[in-house]
C-alpha atoms as a PDB file:
ATOM      1  CA  MET A   1       0.796  13.953  22.027  1.00  0.00           C
ATOM      2  CA  LEU A   2       0.675  16.240  18.954  1.00  0.00           C
ATOM      3  CA  ARG A   3      -2.484  18.267  19.889  1.00  0.00           C
ATOM      4  CA  ASP A   4      -1.348  21.763  20.054  1.00  0.00           C
ATOM      5  CA  LEU A   5       1.399  21.658  17.317  1.00  0.00           C
ATOM      6  CA  GLU A   6       0.380  24.084  14.642  1.00  0.00           C
ATOM      7  CA  LEU A   7       0.909  22.681  10.770  1.00  0.00           C
ATOM      8  CA  LYS A   8       2.943  25.819   9.842  1.00  0.00           C
ATOM      9  CA  HIS A   9       5.787  25.187  11.870  1.00  0.00           C
ATOM     10  CA  TYR A  10       6.495  21.802   9.552  1.00  0.00           C
ATOM     11  CA  MET A  11       5.228  22.726   6.260  1.00  0.00           C
ATOM     12  CA  VAL A  12       7.186  23.234   3.214  1.00  0.00           C
ATOM     13  CA  LYS A  13       6.950  26.804   3.201  1.00  0.00           C
ATOM     14  CA  ASN A  14       8.222  26.895  -1.056  1.00  0.00           C
ATOM     15  CA  PRO A  15       6.659  23.750  -2.242  1.00  0.00           C
ATOM     16  CA  VAL A  16       7.469  22.955  -5.826  1.00  0.00           C
ATOM     17  CA  THR A  17       4.819  24.379  -8.368  1.00  0.00           C
ATOM     18  CA  ILE A  18       3.721  24.220 -12.199  1.00  0.00           C
ATOM     19  CA  GLY A  19       1.146  25.967 -14.035  1.00  0.00           C
ATOM     20  CA  SER A  20      -1.673  23.981 -16.010  1.00  0.00           C
ATOM     21  CA  THR A  21      -0.418  24.770 -19.026  1.00  0.00           C
ATOM     22  CA  ALA A  22       2.954  23.505 -18.836  1.00  0.00           C
ATOM     23  CA  SER A  23       4.173  20.327 -20.470  1.00  0.00           C
ATOM     24  CA  LEU A  24       3.363  17.137 -18.772  1.00  0.00           C
ATOM     25  CA  PHE A  25       7.432  16.210 -19.728  1.00  0.00           C
ATOM     26  CA  GLU A  26       7.988  19.550 -18.041  1.00  0.00           C
ATOM     27  CA  ALA A  27       6.033  18.168 -14.867  1.00  0.00           C
ATOM     28  CA  MET A  28       7.625  14.859 -14.409  1.00  0.00           C
ATOM     29  CA  HIS A  29      11.178  16.620 -14.979  1.00  0.00           C
ATOM     30  CA  LEU A  30      10.117  18.668 -11.936  1.00  0.00           C
ATOM     31  CA  ILE A  31       9.532  15.436  -9.710  1.00  0.00           C
ATOM     32  CA  LEU A  32      12.795  13.872 -10.686  1.00  0.00           C
ATOM     33  CA  VAL A  33      14.979  16.634 -10.156  1.00  0.00           C
ATOM     34  CA  ASN A  34      13.105  17.273  -7.043  1.00  0.00           C
ATOM     35  CA  LYS A  35      12.758  14.029  -6.005  1.00  0.00           C
ATOM     36  CA  ILE A  36       9.266  14.727  -4.935  1.00  0.00           C
ATOM     37  CA  SER A  37       6.232  12.610  -5.795  1.00  0.00           C
ATOM     38  CA  GLY A  38       3.425  15.317  -6.517  1.00  0.00           C
ATOM     39  CA  LEU A  39       3.477  19.068  -7.518  1.00  0.00           C
ATOM     40  CA  CYS A  40       1.173  22.104  -6.611  1.00  0.00           C
ATOM     41  CA  VAL A  41      -0.575  23.418  -9.917  1.00  0.00           C
ATOM     42  CA  VAL A  42      -1.110  26.912  -8.974  1.00  0.00           C
ATOM     43  CA  ASP A  43      -2.502  29.854 -11.687  1.00  0.00           C
ATOM     44  CA  THR A  44      -0.826  33.386 -12.491  1.00  0.00           C
ATOM     45  CA  ASP A  45      -2.171  34.949  -8.983  1.00  0.00           C
ATOM     46  CA  GLY A  46      -0.215  31.783  -7.209  1.00  0.00           C
ATOM     47  CA  ARG A  47      -4.080  30.449  -6.247  1.00  0.00           C
ATOM     48  CA  LEU A  48      -4.273  26.868  -5.948  1.00  0.00           C
ATOM     49  CA  ALA A  49      -5.290  25.358  -9.156  1.00  0.00           C
ATOM     50  CA  GLY A  50      -5.149  21.368  -8.524  1.00  0.00           C
ATOM     51  CA  VAL A  51      -2.348  19.140  -7.747  1.00  0.00           C
ATOM     52  CA  LEU A  52      -0.617  16.711  -9.941  1.00  0.00           C
ATOM     53  CA  SER A  53       0.777  13.230  -8.578  1.00  0.00           C
ATOM     54  CA  GLU A  54       3.734  10.749 -10.200  1.00  0.00           C
ATOM     55  CA  LEU A  55       0.547   8.760 -11.066  1.00  0.00           C
ATOM     56  CA  ASP A  56      -1.300  11.242 -12.609  1.00  0.00           C
ATOM     57  CA  CYS A  57       1.837  11.905 -15.214  1.00  0.00           C
ATOM     58  CA  LEU A  58       2.058   7.684 -15.903  1.00  0.00           C
ATOM     59  CA  ARG A  59      -1.771   8.100 -16.186  1.00  0.00           C
ATOM     60  CA  GLY A  60      -1.426  10.722 -19.153  1.00  0.00           C
ATOM     61  CA  VAL A  61       1.655   9.209 -20.678  1.00  0.00           C
ATOM     62  CA  LEU A  62       0.141   5.339 -20.951  1.00  0.00           C
ATOM     63  CA  ALA A  63      -3.359   7.334 -22.331  1.00  0.00           C
ATOM     64  CA  ALA A  64      -0.875   8.925 -24.975  1.00  0.00           C
ATOM     65  CA  VAL A  65       0.620   5.656 -25.865  1.00  0.00           C
ATOM     66  CA  TYR A  66      -2.799   4.143 -25.915  1.00  0.00           C
ATOM     67  CA  ASN A  67      -4.119   6.539 -28.132  1.00  0.00           C
ATOM     68  CA  ASP A  68      -0.839   7.240 -30.084  1.00  0.00           C
ATOM     69  CA  SER A  69      -0.743  10.851 -29.585  1.00  0.00           C
ATOM     70  CA  GLY A  70       1.410  13.149 -27.742  1.00  0.00           C
ATOM     71  CA  VAL A  71       1.949  13.551 -24.144  1.00  0.00           C
ATOM     72  CA  GLY A  72      -0.556  16.546 -23.336  1.00  0.00           C
ATOM     73  CA  ILE A  73       0.018  19.560 -20.730  1.00  0.00           C
ATOM     74  CA  VAL A  74      -0.750  19.195 -17.178  1.00  0.00           C
ATOM     75  CA  ALA A  75      -4.289  20.707 -17.107  1.00  0.00           C
ATOM     76  CA  ASP A  76      -5.327  17.431 -18.846  1.00  0.00           C
ATOM     77  CA  VAL A  77      -4.407  15.321 -16.206  1.00  0.00           C
ATOM     78  CA  MET A  78      -4.320  17.182 -13.261  1.00  0.00           C
ATOM     79  CA  THR A  79      -6.833  17.065 -10.183  1.00  0.00           C
ATOM     80  CA  SER A  80      -8.595  19.865  -9.722  1.00  0.00           C
ATOM     81  CA  GLU A  81     -12.246  19.040  -8.174  1.00  0.00           C
ATOM     82  CA  ASN A  82     -12.507  17.988  -4.525  1.00  0.00           C
ATOM     83  CA  LEU A  83      -8.801  19.177  -3.557  1.00  0.00           C
ATOM     84  CA  SER A  84      -8.054  18.629   0.374  1.00  0.00           C
ATOM     85  CA  VAL A  85      -6.310  21.734   1.495  1.00  0.00           C
ATOM     86  CA  VAL A  86      -5.795  23.129   4.707  1.00  0.00           C
ATOM     87  CA  HIS A  87      -5.001  26.048   6.345  1.00  0.00           C
ATOM     88  CA  ALA A  88      -1.334  27.358   8.365  1.00  0.00           C
ATOM     89  CA  ASP A  89      -3.203  27.432  11.733  1.00  0.00           C
ATOM     90  CA  ALA A  90      -4.613  23.617  11.397  1.00  0.00           C
ATOM     91  CA  SER A  91      -3.693  21.420  14.058  1.00  0.00           C
ATOM     92  CA  ILE A  92      -1.236  18.938  12.861  1.00  0.00           C
ATOM     93  CA  ALA A  93      -2.650  15.873  14.291  1.00  0.00           C
ATOM     94  CA  ASP A  94      -5.873  16.434  12.975  1.00  0.00           C
ATOM     95  CA  VAL A  95      -4.697  16.923   9.631  1.00  0.00           C
ATOM     96  CA  ALA A  96      -2.505  13.401   9.946  1.00  0.00           C
ATOM     97  CA  GLU A  97      -5.791  11.796  10.748  1.00  0.00           C
ATOM     98  CA  GLN A  98      -7.709  12.976   8.306  1.00  0.00           C
ATOM     99  CA  MET A  99      -4.707  11.988   5.424  1.00  0.00           C
ATOM    100  CA  MET A 100      -5.177   8.844   7.213  1.00  0.00           C
ATOM    101  CA  ASN A 101      -8.563   8.488   6.590  1.00  0.00           C
ATOM    102  CA  GLU A 102      -8.539   9.206   2.913  1.00  0.00           C
ATOM    103  CA  GLN A 103      -5.159   8.106   2.040  1.00  0.00           C
ATOM    104  CA  LYS A 104      -3.671  11.112   0.840  1.00  0.00           C
ATOM    105  CA  ARG A 105      -0.033  11.360   1.040  1.00  0.00           C
ATOM    106  CA  ARG A 106       0.293  15.272   1.112  1.00  0.00           C
ATOM    107  CA  ARG A 107      -1.942  18.455   1.189  1.00  0.00           C
ATOM    108  CA  PRO A 108      -1.961  22.041  -0.527  1.00  0.00           C
ATOM    109  CA  VAL A 109      -1.795  24.903   2.352  1.00  0.00           C
ATOM    110  CA  ILE A 110      -3.850  27.748   1.400  1.00  0.00           C
ATOM    111  CA  ASP A 111      -4.549  31.128   2.776  1.00  0.00           C
ATOM    112  CA  SER A 112      -8.128  32.632   3.040  1.00  0.00           C
ATOM    113  CA  GLU A 113      -7.599  33.746  -0.292  1.00  0.00           C
ATOM    114  CA  GLY A 114      -6.360  30.309  -2.049  1.00  0.00           C
ATOM    115  CA  LYS A 115      -3.180  31.299  -2.403  1.00  0.00           C
ATOM    116  CA  LEU A 116      -0.801  28.367  -1.976  1.00  0.00           C
ATOM    117  CA  VAL A 117       1.546  29.121   0.862  1.00  0.00           C
ATOM    118  CA  GLY A 118       2.682  25.825   1.657  1.00  0.00           C
ATOM    119  CA  GLN A 119       2.485  21.701   1.685  1.00  0.00           C
ATOM    120  CA  ILE A 120       2.214  19.321   4.698  1.00  0.00           C
ATOM    121  CA  THR A 121       3.197  15.682   3.377  1.00  0.00           C
ATOM    122  CA  ILE A 122       3.533  12.300   5.402  1.00  0.00           C
ATOM    123  CA  ARG A 123       7.311  13.397   6.097  1.00  0.00           C
ATOM    124  CA  GLN A 124       6.960  16.311   7.305  1.00  0.00           C
ATOM    125  CA  ILE A 125       4.109  14.951   9.869  1.00  0.00           C
ATOM    126  CA  LEU A 126       6.970  12.119  10.895  1.00  0.00           C
ATOM    127  CA  ARG A 127       9.023  14.453  11.583  1.00  0.00           C
ATOM    128  CA  ALA A 128       6.716  16.256  13.858  1.00  0.00           C
ATOM    129  CA  VAL A 129       6.453  13.498  15.688  1.00  0.00           C
ATOM    130  CA  LYS A 130      10.207  12.286  15.885  1.00  0.00           C
ATOM    131  CA  GLU A 131      10.700  15.987  16.956  1.00  0.00           C
ATOM    132  CA  PHE A 132       8.818  16.083  19.396  1.00  0.00           C
ATOM    133  CA  ASN A 133      10.261  13.326  21.475  1.00  0.00           C
ATOM    134  CA  LEU A 134      13.560  13.646  19.909  1.00  0.00           C
ATOM    135  CA  GLU A 135      15.912  16.627  18.825  1.00  0.00           C
ATOM    136  CA  PRO A 136      16.281  17.419  15.040  1.00  0.00           C
ATOM    137  CA  ASP A 137      18.901  15.857  12.940  1.00  0.00           C
ATOM    138  CA  ALA A 138      19.858  17.388  10.415  1.00  0.00           C
ATOM    139  CA  THR A 139      21.125  14.523   8.191  1.00  0.00           C
ATOM    140  CA  GLU A 140      16.991  14.071   7.549  1.00  0.00           C
ATOM    141  CA  ALA A 141      16.469  15.097   3.882  1.00  0.00           C
ATOM    142  CA  ASP A 142      12.987  16.816   3.484  1.00  0.00           C
END
């Protein structure tokens, strides 16, 4: 059904980002005010440096409580190794299958230089499936 749809038509083109040296509290604030489940972490050139999820934030807060220390920075708890990324011309069906197999809710979308150009989430994939069969609905939030 979705074999020919390219990811670039459904990805979030301007995902919420943060730098690795930002405080964990700043990251939590961005997650809460934007009503999202995670952030892409980028360097000063816009290259993907990692990802930060709600669970990463919670892990950082709990570690601070247990260690009786201050809550640190994004770099302390973000995932930066073995990142699952995709390119904008990828097949949305292939990406959906990978996300299911790896039980990941989102994938950063990068260009050939490693710069972040978007993000695809389960929500966008569900929207693609629905819109393939029905007209778009403006009441469905991103």
